[in-house]
Amino acid sequence: EGQMVDVALYESVFNLMESTLPEFDRAGLVRERTGGALPGIVPSNTYTCGDGQAIVVAGNGDAIFKRLMLAGDPDLVHNDGRVARANEIDAAIGQWCSERGITEALAALGAADVPVSKIYSVADMVADPQFQARGMFERQPLADGSSLAVPAVCPKLSATPGATRWLGPALGEHTDSVLRGLGLDAAAIDALRRDGAI
């Protein structure tokens, strides 16, 4: 005997928004778009490596920042000082990342025990053993005999795991029936085709 799982996609994203709601509730602050940065927490951003791949670096704890930057500047010891110089710090990390490939950057930051992660492309996802083991992809047959990879149903339910049953109609498959429903007869539909309207 199972239970109902009731979740909306926006609810999952809402729960990732950290302190956005408390900031609004307590201080009336409305966060605006900031790209990969985490406002007020420095450094925590997305940086592009020399090979064009992107990483997220979260060096925002005081001890982590010390391992990341080896900065002797007393103004940067605590987050409030770093926030005032966020652009300068981001530029320095961005420059460092741009001078090395992602493998080297990940290894160096990992060795320094700085939280870092590669930003996955879809190619990375498809190649990832964890995505594969979790069955995150389905192959669906197409009319020409080939197949197409599509996202698997999520969340996974033990009793009724779900799957894609139908990819939908072919382009134009229902055109004639829709036009007939609008009162057009076969001759009118043929005329529209000859004129290139459908």
C-alpha atoms as a PDB file:
ATOM      1  CA  GLU A   1       0.000   0.000   0.000  1.00  0.00           C
ATOM      2  CA  GLY A   2       1.456   3.280  -1.077  1.00  0.00           C
ATOM      3  CA  GLN A   3       0.863   6.943  -0.596  1.00  0.00           C
ATOM      4  CA  MET A   4       0.162   9.895  -2.814  1.00  0.00           C
ATOM      5  CA  VAL A   5       3.155  12.014  -3.794  1.00  0.00           C
ATOM      6  CA  ASP A   6       2.031  15.570  -4.462  1.00  0.00           C
ATOM      7  CA  VAL A   7       4.701  18.005  -5.604  1.00  0.00           C
ATOM      8  CA  ALA A   8       4.908  20.898  -8.041  1.00  0.00           C
ATOM      9  CA  LEU A   9       8.115  21.714  -9.900  1.00  0.00           C
ATOM     10  CA  TYR A  10       8.137  25.305  -8.709  1.00  0.00           C
ATOM     11  CA  GLU A  11       8.017  24.068  -5.099  1.00  0.00           C
ATOM     12  CA  SER A  12      11.314  22.221  -5.592  1.00  0.00           C
ATOM     13  CA  VAL A  13      12.963  25.380  -6.926  1.00  0.00           C
ATOM     14  CA  PHE A  14      11.366  27.538  -4.224  1.00  0.00           C
ATOM     15  CA  ASN A  15      13.052  25.420  -1.566  1.00  0.00           C
ATOM     16  CA  LEU A  16      16.447  26.133  -3.157  1.00  0.00           C
ATOM     17  CA  MET A  17      16.048  29.886  -2.778  1.00  0.00           C
ATOM     18  CA  GLU A  18      17.738  29.894   0.635  1.00  0.00           C
ATOM     19  CA  SER A  19      17.074  33.089   2.569  1.00  0.00           C
ATOM     20  CA  THR A  20      15.038  34.875  -0.110  1.00  0.00           C
ATOM     21  CA  LEU A  21      11.761  34.618   1.818  1.00  0.00           C
ATOM     22  CA  PRO A  22      13.142  35.502   5.264  1.00  0.00           C
ATOM     23  CA  GLU A  23      15.009  38.478   3.744  1.00  0.00           C
ATOM     24  CA  PHE A  24      11.760  39.737   2.234  1.00  0.00           C
ATOM     25  CA  ASP A  25       9.701  39.030   5.337  1.00  0.00           C
ATOM     26  CA  ARG A  26      12.099  40.647   7.800  1.00  0.00           C
ATOM     27  CA  ALA A  27      13.752  43.407   5.753  1.00  0.00           C
ATOM     28  CA  GLY A  28      11.500  43.899   2.734  1.00  0.00           C
ATOM     29  CA  LEU A  29      14.463  42.990   0.509  1.00  0.00           C
ATOM     30  CA  VAL A  30      13.523  41.773  -2.964  1.00  0.00           C
ATOM     31  CA  ARG A  31      16.424  39.902  -4.549  1.00  0.00           C
ATOM     32  CA  GLU A  32      17.082  40.587  -8.199  1.00  0.00           C
ATOM     33  CA  ARG A  33      18.849  38.374 -10.724  1.00  0.00           C
ATOM     34  CA  THR A  34      22.534  37.926 -10.020  1.00  0.00           C
ATOM     35  CA  GLY A  35      23.608  35.154 -12.361  1.00  0.00           C
ATOM     36  CA  GLY A  36      25.667  32.515 -10.569  1.00  0.00           C
ATOM     37  CA  ALA A  37      26.580  34.725  -7.601  1.00  0.00           C
ATOM     38  CA  LEU A  38      25.106  34.399  -4.128  1.00  0.00           C
ATOM     39  CA  PRO A  39      24.555  37.998  -3.005  1.00  0.00           C
ATOM     40  CA  GLY A  40      26.061  38.896   0.350  1.00  0.00           C
ATOM     41  CA  ILE A  41      28.154  35.712   0.519  1.00  0.00           C
ATOM     42  CA  VAL A  42      31.604  36.221  -1.040  1.00  0.00           C
ATOM     43  CA  PRO A  43      33.017  34.472  -2.937  1.00  0.00           C
ATOM     44  CA  SER A  44      30.319  32.160  -4.209  1.00  0.00           C
ATOM     45  CA  ASN A  45      29.958  32.283  -7.961  1.00  0.00           C
ATOM     46  CA  THR A  46      30.337  30.553 -11.295  1.00  0.00           C
ATOM     47  CA  TYR A  47      33.635  30.893 -13.155  1.00  0.00           C
ATOM     48  CA  THR A  48      34.736  29.827 -16.641  1.00  0.00           C
ATOM     49  CA  CYS A  49      37.921  27.794 -16.987  1.00  0.00           C
ATOM     50  CA  GLY A  50      40.427  28.104 -19.812  1.00  0.00           C
ATOM     51  CA  ASP A  51      38.823  25.231 -21.721  1.00  0.00           C
ATOM     52  CA  GLY A  52      35.400  26.926 -21.690  1.00  0.00           C
ATOM     53  CA  GLN A  53      33.880  24.689 -19.012  1.00  0.00           C
ATOM     54  CA  ALA A  54      32.323  26.266 -15.930  1.00  0.00           C
ATOM     55  CA  ILE A  55      32.727  25.581 -12.226  1.00  0.00           C
ATOM     56  CA  VAL A  56      31.027  26.826  -9.084  1.00  0.00           C
ATOM     57  CA  VAL A  57      33.392  27.921  -6.327  1.00  0.00           C
ATOM     58  CA  ALA A  58      32.026  28.452  -2.811  1.00  0.00           C
ATOM     59  CA  GLY A  59      34.908  29.942  -0.856  1.00  0.00           C
ATOM     60  CA  ASN A  60      32.670  32.023   1.361  1.00  0.00           C
ATOM     61  CA  GLY A  61      33.436  30.698   4.830  1.00  0.00           C
ATOM     62  CA  ASP A  62      36.243  32.581   6.559  1.00  0.00           C
ATOM     63  CA  ALA A  63      38.468  29.491   6.904  1.00  0.00           C
ATOM     64  CA  ILE A  64      37.667  28.360   3.352  1.00  0.00           C
ATOM     65  CA  PHE A  65      38.452  31.795   1.940  1.00  0.00           C
ATOM     66  CA  LYS A  66      41.848  31.690   3.638  1.00  0.00           C
ATOM     67  CA  ARG A  67      42.600  28.356   1.905  1.00  0.00           C
ATOM     68  CA  LEU A  68      41.260  29.673  -1.406  1.00  0.00           C
ATOM     69  CA  MET A  69      42.980  33.044  -1.648  1.00  0.00           C
ATOM     70  CA  LEU A  70      45.766  32.949   0.959  1.00  0.00           C
ATOM     71  CA  ALA A  71      44.896  36.594   1.464  1.00  0.00           C
ATOM     72  CA  GLY A  72      46.757  38.511   4.141  1.00  0.00           C
ATOM     73  CA  ASP A  73      44.496  41.543   3.785  1.00  0.00           C
ATOM     74  CA  PRO A  74      42.735  42.062   7.150  1.00  0.00           C
ATOM     75  CA  ASP A  75      39.744  43.598   5.343  1.00  0.00           C
ATOM     76  CA  LEU A  76      39.050  40.215   3.714  1.00  0.00           C
ATOM     77  CA  VAL A  77      39.190  38.063   6.838  1.00  0.00           C
ATOM     78  CA  HIS A  78      35.420  38.183   7.347  1.00  0.00           C
ATOM     79  CA  ASN A  79      32.522  38.070   4.902  1.00  0.00           C
ATOM     80  CA  ASP A  80      31.375  41.672   5.462  1.00  0.00           C
ATOM     81  CA  GLY A  81      34.759  42.930   4.254  1.00  0.00           C
ATOM     82  CA  ARG A  82      34.695  40.584   1.269  1.00  0.00           C
ATOM     83  CA  VAL A  83      31.188  41.681   0.270  1.00  0.00           C
ATOM     84  CA  ALA A  84      32.482  45.251  -0.128  1.00  0.00           C
ATOM     85  CA  ARG A  85      35.133  43.945  -2.542  1.00  0.00           C
ATOM     86  CA  ALA A  86      33.121  41.224  -4.269  1.00  0.00           C
ATOM     87  CA  ASN A  87      33.943  42.422  -7.802  1.00  0.00           C
ATOM     88  CA  GLU A  88      37.677  42.451  -7.072  1.00  0.00           C
ATOM     89  CA  ILE A  89      37.591  38.942  -5.568  1.00  0.00           C
ATOM     90  CA  ASP A  90      35.447  37.561  -8.403  1.00  0.00           C
ATOM     91  CA  ALA A  91      37.831  39.049 -10.968  1.00  0.00           C
ATOM     92  CA  ALA A  92      40.841  37.418  -9.272  1.00  0.00           C
ATOM     93  CA  ILE A  93      39.172  33.993  -9.118  1.00  0.00           C
ATOM     94  CA  GLY A  94      37.905  34.392 -12.680  1.00  0.00           C
ATOM     95  CA  GLN A  95      41.413  35.200 -13.887  1.00  0.00           C
ATOM     96  CA  TRP A  96      42.866  32.199 -12.044  1.00  0.00           C
ATOM     97  CA  CYS A  97      40.230  29.865 -13.520  1.00  0.00           C
ATOM     98  CA  SER A  98      40.717  31.221 -17.041  1.00  0.00           C
ATOM     99  CA  GLU A  99      44.401  30.280 -16.929  1.00  0.00           C
ATOM    100  CA  ARG A 100      43.765  26.553 -16.419  1.00  0.00           C
ATOM    101  CA  GLY A 101      41.473  23.814 -17.667  1.00  0.00           C
ATOM    102  CA  ILE A 102      38.633  22.485 -15.556  1.00  0.00           C
ATOM    103  CA  THR A 103      40.466  19.307 -14.532  1.00  0.00           C
ATOM    104  CA  GLU A 104      43.393  21.287 -13.151  1.00  0.00           C
ATOM    105  CA  ALA A 105      41.120  23.831 -11.437  1.00  0.00           C
ATOM    106  CA  LEU A 106      38.996  21.121  -9.793  1.00  0.00           C
ATOM    107  CA  ALA A 107      42.100  19.264  -8.608  1.00  0.00           C
ATOM    108  CA  ALA A 108      43.758  22.381  -7.157  1.00  0.00           C
ATOM    109  CA  LEU A 109      40.642  23.590  -5.362  1.00  0.00           C
ATOM    110  CA  GLY A 110      39.807  20.091  -4.158  1.00  0.00           C
ATOM    111  CA  ALA A 111      43.332  19.699  -2.747  1.00  0.00           C
ATOM    112  CA  ALA A 112      42.840  22.988  -0.868  1.00  0.00           C
ATOM    113  CA  ASP A 113      39.524  21.664   0.503  1.00  0.00           C
ATOM    114  CA  VAL A 114      37.551  24.454  -1.172  1.00  0.00           C
ATOM    115  CA  PRO A 115      33.973  23.527  -2.121  1.00  0.00           C
ATOM    116  CA  VAL A 116      33.910  23.381  -5.921  1.00  0.00           C
ATOM    117  CA  SER A 117      31.876  21.604  -8.538  1.00  0.00           C
ATOM    118  CA  LYS A 118      31.748  21.330 -12.288  1.00  0.00           C
ATOM    119  CA  ILE A 119      28.575  22.649 -13.888  1.00  0.00           C
ATOM    120  CA  TYR A 120      27.144  19.771 -15.875  1.00  0.00           C
ATOM    121  CA  SER A 121      26.215  20.054 -19.514  1.00  0.00           C
ATOM    122  CA  VAL A 122      23.689  17.629 -20.937  1.00  0.00           C
ATOM    123  CA  ALA A 123      26.615  15.631 -22.369  1.00  0.00           C
ATOM    124  CA  ASP A 124      28.003  15.283 -18.834  1.00  0.00           C
ATOM    125  CA  MET A 125      24.608  14.162 -17.543  1.00  0.00           C
ATOM    126  CA  VAL A 126      24.214  11.500 -20.216  1.00  0.00           C
ATOM    127  CA  ALA A 127      27.697  10.127 -19.471  1.00  0.00           C
ATOM    128  CA  ASP A 128      27.297  10.203 -15.678  1.00  0.00           C
ATOM    129  CA  PRO A 129      27.008   6.726 -14.095  1.00  0.00           C
ATOM    130  CA  GLN A 130      24.702   8.061 -11.361  1.00  0.00           C
ATOM    131  CA  PHE A 131      22.204   9.471 -13.876  1.00  0.00           C
ATOM    132  CA  GLN A 132      22.326   6.137 -15.687  1.00  0.00           C
ATOM    133  CA  ALA A 133      21.948   4.070 -12.513  1.00  0.00           C
ATOM    134  CA  ARG A 134      18.926   6.153 -11.474  1.00  0.00           C
ATOM    135  CA  GLY A 135      17.288   5.527 -14.852  1.00  0.00           C
ATOM    136  CA  MET A 136      17.012   9.240 -15.655  1.00  0.00           C
ATOM    137  CA  PHE A 137      16.698   8.632 -19.401  1.00  0.00           C
ATOM    138  CA  GLU A 138      14.189   6.704 -21.514  1.00  0.00           C
ATOM    139  CA  ARG A 139      14.580   5.723 -25.143  1.00  0.00           C
ATOM    140  CA  GLN A 140      11.370   6.134 -27.110  1.00  0.00           C
ATOM    141  CA  PRO A 141      10.792   4.630 -30.565  1.00  0.00           C
ATOM    142  CA  LEU A 142      10.129   6.963 -33.496  1.00  0.00           C
ATOM    143  CA  ALA A 143       8.082   6.212 -36.601  1.00  0.00           C
ATOM    144  CA  ASP A 144      11.205   5.849 -38.772  1.00  0.00           C
ATOM    145  CA  GLY A 145      12.541   3.036 -36.552  1.00  0.00           C
ATOM    146  CA  SER A 146      15.118   5.169 -34.736  1.00  0.00           C
ATOM    147  CA  SER A 147      14.761   6.185 -31.088  1.00  0.00           C
ATOM    148  CA  LEU A 148      14.932   9.380 -29.079  1.00  0.00           C
ATOM    149  CA  ALA A 149      16.252   9.890 -25.536  1.00  0.00           C
ATOM    150  CA  VAL A 150      13.774  11.704 -23.297  1.00  0.00           C
ATOM    151  CA  PRO A 151      13.811  12.463 -19.557  1.00  0.00           C
ATOM    152  CA  ALA A 152      12.387   9.643 -17.454  1.00  0.00           C
ATOM    153  CA  VAL A 153       9.443  10.215 -15.154  1.00  0.00           C
ATOM    154  CA  CYS A 154      10.398  11.716 -11.804  1.00  0.00           C
ATOM    155  CA  PRO A 155       9.873  11.249  -8.908  1.00  0.00           C
ATOM    156  CA  LYS A 156      10.277   7.504  -8.922  1.00  0.00           C
ATOM    157  CA  LEU A 157       7.477   5.633  -7.199  1.00  0.00           C
ATOM    158  CA  SER A 158       8.033   2.062  -6.057  1.00  0.00           C
ATOM    159  CA  ALA A 159       4.583   0.686  -6.893  1.00  0.00           C
ATOM    160  CA  THR A 160       3.881   2.743  -9.995  1.00  0.00           C
ATOM    161  CA  PRO A 161       7.201   3.952 -11.395  1.00  0.00           C
ATOM    162  CA  GLY A 162       5.687   5.514 -14.510  1.00  0.00           C
ATOM    163  CA  ALA A 163       7.056   5.837 -18.021  1.00  0.00           C
ATOM    164  CA  THR A 164       6.434   7.808 -21.185  1.00  0.00           C
ATOM    165  CA  ARG A 165       3.683   6.052 -23.110  1.00  0.00           C
ATOM    166  CA  TRP A 166       3.397   8.320 -26.142  1.00  0.00           C
ATOM    167  CA  LEU A 167       5.586  11.083 -27.580  1.00  0.00           C
ATOM    168  CA  GLY A 168       2.635  12.852 -29.146  1.00  0.00           C
ATOM    169  CA  PRO A 169       1.372  13.180 -32.705  1.00  0.00           C
ATOM    170  CA  ALA A 170       3.554  13.698 -35.738  1.00  0.00           C
ATOM    171  CA  LEU A 171       3.722  17.243 -37.094  1.00  0.00           C
ATOM    172  CA  GLY A 172       0.477  17.903 -38.955  1.00  0.00           C
ATOM    173  CA  GLU A 173      -1.039  14.532 -38.036  1.00  0.00           C
ATOM    174  CA  HIS A 174      -4.320  16.102 -36.919  1.00  0.00           C
ATOM    175  CA  THR A 175      -4.447  19.007 -39.374  1.00  0.00           C
ATOM    176  CA  ASP A 176      -7.184  17.522 -41.547  1.00  0.00           C
ATOM    177  CA  SER A 177      -9.439  16.613 -38.624  1.00  0.00           C
ATOM    178  CA  VAL A 178      -9.001  20.068 -37.067  1.00  0.00           C
ATOM    179  CA  LEU A 179      -9.812  21.784 -40.363  1.00  0.00           C
ATOM    180  CA  ARG A 180     -12.851  19.542 -40.890  1.00  0.00           C
ATOM    181  CA  GLY A 181     -13.936  20.492 -37.367  1.00  0.00           C
ATOM    182  CA  LEU A 182     -13.790  24.119 -38.518  1.00  0.00           C
ATOM    183  CA  GLY A 183     -16.184  23.303 -41.363  1.00  0.00           C
ATOM    184  CA  LEU A 184     -13.751  22.925 -44.268  1.00  0.00           C
ATOM    185  CA  ASP A 185     -14.341  20.118 -46.720  1.00  0.00           C
ATOM    186  CA  ALA A 186     -11.704  17.968 -48.453  1.00  0.00           C
ATOM    187  CA  ALA A 187     -11.584  20.275 -51.515  1.00  0.00           C
ATOM    188  CA  ALA A 188     -10.919  23.359 -49.344  1.00  0.00           C
ATOM    189  CA  ILE A 189      -8.216  21.520 -47.434  1.00  0.00           C
ATOM    190  CA  ASP A 190      -6.559  20.403 -50.708  1.00  0.00           C
ATOM    191  CA  ALA A 191      -6.673  24.007 -51.945  1.00  0.00           C
ATOM    192  CA  LEU A 192      -4.935  25.213 -48.788  1.00  0.00           C
ATOM    193  CA  ARG A 193      -2.217  22.615 -49.341  1.00  0.00           C
ATOM    194  CA  ARG A 194      -1.721  23.669 -52.980  1.00  0.00           C
ATOM    195  CA  ASP A 195      -1.392  27.273 -51.871  1.00  0.00           C
ATOM    196  CA  GLY A 196       1.213  26.320 -49.253  1.00  0.00           C
ATOM    197  CA  ALA A 197      -0.965  27.546 -46.397  1.00  0.00           C
ATOM    198  CA  ILE A 198      -0.695  24.207 -44.582  1.00  0.00           C
END
